[in-house]
PDB file of N, CA and C in Angstrom:
ATOM      1  N   MET A   1      25.869 154.612-201.533  1.00  0.00           N
ATOM      2  CA  MET A   1      26.994 155.228-200.858  1.00  0.00           C
ATOM      3  C   MET A   1      27.776 154.121-200.164  1.00  0.00           C
ATOM      4  N   ASP A   2      29.060 154.313-200.070  1.00  0.00           N
ATOM      5  CA  ASP A   2      29.923 153.318-199.441  1.00  0.00           C
ATOM      6  C   ASP A   2      30.410 153.825-198.076  1.00  0.00           C
ATOM      7  N   PRO A   3      30.922 152.923-197.226  1.00  0.00           N
ATOM      8  CA  PRO A   3      31.347 153.312-195.882  1.00  0.00           C
ATOM      9  C   PRO A   3      32.449 154.374-195.869  1.00  0.00           C
ATOM     10  N   VAL A   4      33.372 154.328-196.806  1.00  0.00           N
ATOM     11  CA  VAL A   4      34.475 155.300-196.831  1.00  0.00           C
ATOM     12  C   VAL A   4      33.943 156.697-197.119  1.00  0.00           C
ATOM     13  N   THR A   5      33.063 156.806-198.088  1.00  0.00           N
ATOM     14  CA  THR A   5      32.473 158.115-198.415  1.00  0.00           C
ATOM     15  C   THR A   5      31.681 158.649-197.233  1.00  0.00           C
ATOM     16  N   LEU A   6      30.874 157.792-196.615  1.00  0.00           N
ATOM     17  CA  LEU A   6      30.117 158.220-195.439  1.00  0.00           C
ATOM     18  C   LEU A   6      31.056 158.684-194.332  1.00  0.00           C
ATOM     19  N   ALA A   7      32.123 157.932-194.120  1.00  0.00           N
ATOM     20  CA  ALA A   7      33.069 158.267-193.053  1.00  0.00           C
ATOM     21  C   ALA A   7      33.736 159.608-193.297  1.00  0.00           C
ATOM     22  N   ARG A   8      34.044 159.898-194.541  1.00  0.00           N
ATOM     23  CA  ARG A   8      34.721 161.162-194.868  1.00  0.00           C
ATOM     24  C   ARG A   8      33.775 162.361-194.836  1.00  0.00           C
ATOM     25  N   ARG A   9      32.507 162.142-195.088  1.00  0.00           N
ATOM     26  CA  ARG A   9      31.545 163.241-195.207  1.00  0.00           C
ATOM     27  C   ARG A   9      30.749 163.530-193.948  1.00  0.00           C
ATOM     28  N   ASN A  10      30.918 162.707-192.897  1.00  0.00           N
ATOM     29  CA  ASN A  10      30.104 162.865-191.692  1.00  0.00           C
ATOM     30  C   ASN A  10      30.958 162.763-190.437  1.00  0.00           C
ATOM     31  N   THR A  11      30.562 163.492-189.422  1.00  0.00           N
ATOM     32  CA  THR A  11      31.226 163.373-188.125  1.00  0.00           C
ATOM     33  C   THR A  11      30.758 162.084-187.451  1.00  0.00           C
ATOM     34  N   LEU A  12      31.491 161.662-186.421  1.00  0.00           N
ATOM     35  CA  LEU A  12      31.075 160.476-185.675  1.00  0.00           C
ATOM     36  C   LEU A  12      29.698 160.667-185.055  1.00  0.00           C
ATOM     37  N   ALA A  13      29.424 161.860-184.576  1.00  0.00           N
ATOM     38  CA  ALA A  13      28.109 162.127-183.972  1.00  0.00           C
ATOM     39  C   ALA A  13      26.993 161.896-184.990  1.00  0.00           C
ATOM     40  N   CYS A  14      27.205 162.366-186.198  1.00  0.00           N
ATOM     41  CA  CYS A  14      26.204 162.198-187.257  1.00  0.00           C
ATOM     42  C   CYS A  14      26.054 160.719-187.627  1.00  0.00           C
ATOM     43  N   LEU A  15      27.176 160.028-187.758  1.00  0.00           N
ATOM     44  CA  LEU A  15      27.130 158.607-188.100  1.00  0.00           C
ATOM     45  C   LEU A  15      26.396 157.810-187.020  1.00  0.00           C
ATOM     46  N   HIS A  16      26.700 158.090-185.752  1.00  0.00           N
ATOM     47  CA  HIS A  16      26.032 157.396-184.651  1.00  0.00           C
ATOM     48  C   HIS A  16      24.542 157.715-184.613  1.00  0.00           C
ATOM     49  N   HIS A  17      24.196 158.955-184.889  1.00  0.00           N
ATOM     50  CA  HIS A  17      22.784 159.357-184.903  1.00  0.00           C
ATOM     51  C   HIS A  17      22.026 158.565-185.965  1.00  0.00           C
ATOM     52  N   ASN A  18      22.588 158.486-187.151  1.00  0.00           N
ATOM     53  CA  ASN A  18      21.933 157.741-188.227  1.00  0.00           C
ATOM     54  C   ASN A  18      21.874 156.258-187.923  1.00  0.00           C
ATOM     55  N   LEU A  19      22.945 155.712-187.362  1.00  0.00           N
ATOM     56  CA  LEU A  19      22.950 154.303-186.990  1.00  0.00           C
ATOM     57  C   LEU A  19      21.825 153.997-186.007  1.00  0.00           C
ATOM     58  N   SER A  20      21.683 154.818-184.994  1.00  0.00           N
ATOM     59  CA  SER A  20      20.634 154.551-184.002  1.00  0.00           C
ATOM     60  C   SER A  20      19.245 154.632-184.635  1.00  0.00           C
ATOM     61  N   GLY A  21      19.053 155.554-185.563  1.00  0.00           N
ATOM     62  CA  GLY A  21      17.760 155.657-186.241  1.00  0.00           C
ATOM     63  C   GLY A  21      17.443 154.434-187.080  1.00  0.00           C
ATOM     64  N   TYR A  22      18.435 153.964-187.834  1.00  0.00           N
ATOM     65  CA  TYR A  22      18.209 152.772-188.651  1.00  0.00           C
ATOM     66  C   TYR A  22      17.993 151.539-187.786  1.00  0.00           C
ATOM     67  N   CYS A  23      18.710 151.432-186.676  1.00  0.00           N
ATOM     68  CA  CYS A  23      18.496 150.308-185.750  1.00  0.00           C
ATOM     69  C   CYS A  23      17.094 150.364-185.157  1.00  0.00           C
ATOM     70  N   ARG A  24      16.694 151.552-184.752  1.00  0.00           N
ATOM     71  CA  ARG A  24      15.376 151.736-184.132  1.00  0.00           C
ATOM     72  C   ARG A  24      14.257 151.331-185.090  1.00  0.00           C
ATOM     73  N   HIS A  25      14.463 151.566-186.389  1.00  0.00           N
ATOM     74  CA  HIS A  25      13.432 151.257-187.381  1.00  0.00           C
ATOM     75  C   HIS A  25      13.632 149.891-188.028  1.00  0.00           C
ATOM     76  N   GLY A  26      14.616 149.135-187.544  1.00  0.00           N
ATOM     77  CA  GLY A  26      14.807 147.777-188.016  1.00  0.00           C
ATOM     78  C   GLY A  26      15.429 147.638-189.395  1.00  0.00           C
ATOM     79  N   ASN A  27      16.093 148.675-189.870  1.00  0.00           N
ATOM     80  CA  ASN A  27      16.728 148.614-191.195  1.00  0.00           C
ATOM     81  C   ASN A  27      18.178 148.146-191.029  1.00  0.00           C
ATOM     82  N   GLU A  28      18.358 146.824-190.986  1.00  0.00           N
ATOM     83  CA  GLU A  28      19.677 146.254-190.716  1.00  0.00           C
ATOM     84  C   GLU A  28      20.678 146.526-191.844  1.00  0.00           C
ATOM     85  N   VAL A  29      20.220 146.619-193.075  1.00  0.00           N
ATOM     86  CA  VAL A  29      21.130 146.889-194.194  1.00  0.00           C
ATOM     87  C   VAL A  29      21.789 148.253-194.023  1.00  0.00           C
ATOM     88  N   MET A  30      20.989 149.267-193.750  1.00  0.00           N
ATOM     89  CA  MET A  30      21.545 150.609-193.564  1.00  0.00           C
ATOM     90  C   MET A  30      22.319 150.718-192.256  1.00  0.00           C
ATOM     91  N   ALA A  31      21.846 150.044-191.223  1.00  0.00           N
ATOM     92  CA  ALA A  31      22.564 150.057-189.944  1.00  0.00           C
ATOM     93  C   ALA A  31      23.955 149.472-190.125  1.00  0.00           C
ATOM     94  N   SER A  32      24.058 148.407-190.875  1.00  0.00           N
ATOM     95  CA  SER A  32      25.356 147.781-191.135  1.00  0.00           C
ATOM     96  C   SER A  32      26.282 148.728-191.896  1.00  0.00           C
ATOM     97  N   LEU A  33      25.727 149.441-192.859  1.00  0.00           N
ATOM     98  CA  LEU A  33      26.513 150.417-193.617  1.00  0.00           C
ATOM     99  C   LEU A  33      27.071 151.493-192.682  1.00  0.00           C
ATOM    100  N   PHE A  34      26.254 151.998-191.784  1.00  0.00           N
ATOM    101  CA  PHE A  34      26.710 153.031-190.863  1.00  0.00           C
ATOM    102  C   PHE A  34      27.671 152.485-189.813  1.00  0.00           C
ATOM    103  N   ARG A  35      27.502 151.231-189.397  1.00  0.00           N
ATOM    104  CA  ARG A  35      28.484 150.608-188.494  1.00  0.00           C
ATOM    105  C   ARG A  35      29.852 150.548-189.163  1.00  0.00           C
ATOM    106  N   ASP A  36      29.850 150.134-190.430  1.00  0.00           N
ATOM    107  CA  ASP A  36      31.106 150.072-191.180  1.00  0.00           C
ATOM    108  C   ASP A  36      31.724 151.456-191.334  1.00  0.00           C
ATOM    109  N   ALA A  37      30.903 152.454-191.603  1.00  0.00           N
ATOM    110  CA  ALA A  37      31.396 153.827-191.762  1.00  0.00           C
ATOM    111  C   ALA A  37      32.013 154.344-190.461  1.00  0.00           C
ATOM    112  N   ILE A  38      31.430 153.986-189.340  1.00  0.00           N
ATOM    113  CA  ILE A  38      31.984 154.400-188.042  1.00  0.00           C
ATOM    114  C   ILE A  38      33.369 153.796-187.855  1.00  0.00           C
ATOM    115  N   GLN A  39      33.521 152.523-188.195  1.00  0.00           N
ATOM    116  CA  GLN A  39      34.829 151.876-188.080  1.00  0.00           C
ATOM    117  C   GLN A  39      35.852 152.534-188.998  1.00  0.00           C
ATOM    118  N   VAL A  40      35.444 152.860-190.222  1.00  0.00           N
ATOM    119  CA  VAL A  40      36.339 153.541-191.163  1.00  0.00           C
ATOM    120  C   VAL A  40      36.716 154.911-190.627  1.00  0.00           C
ATOM    121  N   ARG A  41      35.748 155.620-190.068  1.00  0.00           N
ATOM    122  CA  ARG A  41      36.011 156.951-189.513  1.00  0.00           C
ATOM    123  C   ARG A  41      37.080 156.879-188.420  1.00  0.00           C
ATOM    124  N   TYR A  42      36.954 155.901-187.516  1.00  0.00           N
ATOM    125  CA  TYR A  42      37.961 155.732-186.468  1.00  0.00           C
ATOM    126  C   TYR A  42      39.333 155.427-187.069  1.00  0.00           C
ATOM    127  N   GLN A  43      39.364 154.622-188.121  1.00  0.00           N
ATOM    128  CA  GLN A  43      40.632 154.311-188.779  1.00  0.00           C
ATOM    129  C   GLN A  43      41.250 155.552-189.408  1.00  0.00           C
ATOM    130  N   LEU A  44      40.433 156.361-190.070  1.00  0.00           N
ATOM    131  CA  LEU A  44      40.930 157.594-190.684  1.00  0.00           C
ATOM    132  C   LEU A  44      41.456 158.561-189.628  1.00  0.00           C
ATOM    133  N   LEU A  45      40.774 158.624-188.493  1.00  0.00           N
ATOM    134  CA  LEU A  45      41.238 159.467-187.393  1.00  0.00           C
ATOM    135  C   LEU A  45      42.583 158.959-186.865  1.00  0.00           C
ATOM    136  N   ALA A  46      42.699 157.650-186.696  1.00  0.00           N
ATOM    137  CA  ALA A  46      43.936 157.063-186.185  1.00  0.00           C
ATOM    138  C   ALA A  46      45.107 157.287-187.133  1.00  0.00           C
ATOM    139  N   LEU A  47      44.836 157.293-188.428  1.00  0.00           N
ATOM    140  CA  LEU A  47      45.875 157.514-189.428  1.00  0.00           C
ATOM    141  C   LEU A  47      46.225 158.991-189.597  1.00  0.00           C
ATOM    142  N   GLY A  48      45.437 159.855-188.973  1.00  0.00           N
ATOM    143  CA  GLY A  48      45.677 161.289-189.084  1.00  0.00           C
ATOM    144  C   GLY A  48      45.139 161.906-190.364  1.00  0.00           C
ATOM    145  N   GLU A  49      44.323 161.160-191.102  1.00  0.00           N
ATOM    146  CA  GLU A  49      43.757 161.683-192.344  1.00  0.00           C
ATOM    147  C   GLU A  49      42.617 162.662-192.083  1.00  0.00           C
ATOM    148  N   LEU A  50      42.004 162.547-190.922  1.00  0.00           N
ATOM    149  CA  LEU A  50      40.925 163.445-190.515  1.00  0.00           C
ATOM    150  C   LEU A  50      41.173 163.862-189.077  1.00  0.00           C
ATOM    151  N   GLN A  51      40.535 164.957-188.687  1.00  0.00           N
ATOM    152  CA  GLN A  51      40.598 165.397-187.300  1.00  0.00           C
ATOM    153  C   GLN A  51      39.197 165.291-186.711  1.00  0.00           C
ATOM    154  N   VAL A  52      39.131 165.171-185.397  1.00  0.00           N
ATOM    155  CA  VAL A  52      37.842 165.075-184.731  1.00  0.00           C
ATOM    156  C   VAL A  52      37.007 166.300-185.082  1.00  0.00           C
ATOM    157  N   GLY A  53      35.760 166.066-185.465  1.00  0.00           N
ATOM    158  CA  GLY A  53      34.838 167.140-185.826  1.00  0.00           C
ATOM    159  C   GLY A  53      34.948 167.602-187.259  1.00  0.00           C
ATOM    160  N   GLN A  54      35.968 167.141-187.978  1.00  0.00           N
ATOM    161  CA  GLN A  54      36.133 167.535-189.383  1.00  0.00           C
ATOM    162  C   GLN A  54      35.183 166.708-190.243  1.00  0.00           C
ATOM    163  N   TRP A  55      34.587 167.353-191.233  1.00  0.00           N
ATOM    164  CA  TRP A  55      33.674 166.661-192.125  1.00  0.00           C
ATOM    165  C   TRP A  55      33.709 167.335-193.482  1.00  0.00           C
ATOM    166  N   GLY A  56      32.970 166.784-194.419  1.00  0.00           N
ATOM    167  CA  GLY A  56      32.894 167.367-195.751  1.00  0.00           C
ATOM    168  C   GLY A  56      34.016 166.966-196.666  1.00  0.00           C
ATOM    169  N   GLN A  57      34.740 165.918-196.313  1.00  0.00           N
ATOM    170  CA  GLN A  57      35.852 165.461-197.139  1.00  0.00           C
ATOM    171  C   GLN A  57      35.330 164.676-198.333  1.00  0.00           C
ATOM    172  N   LYS A  58      36.030 164.771-199.430  1.00  0.00           N
ATOM    173  CA  LYS A  58      35.656 164.016-200.641  1.00  0.00           C
ATOM    174  C   LYS A  58      36.330 162.676-200.641  1.00  0.00           C
TER     175      LYS A  58
END
């Protein structure tokens, strides 16, 4: 899965939850993926492509 797909399919709360879990378990590869997805999510919100709390986008 790529950061854009993750960002479109998950809320920020979900992305942060997964990031904290991967960090806690020392999985830096997955943590990095979720960090990138969080940044993409903020960008999509700023561009108006998504609304806060919206998820399930393709």
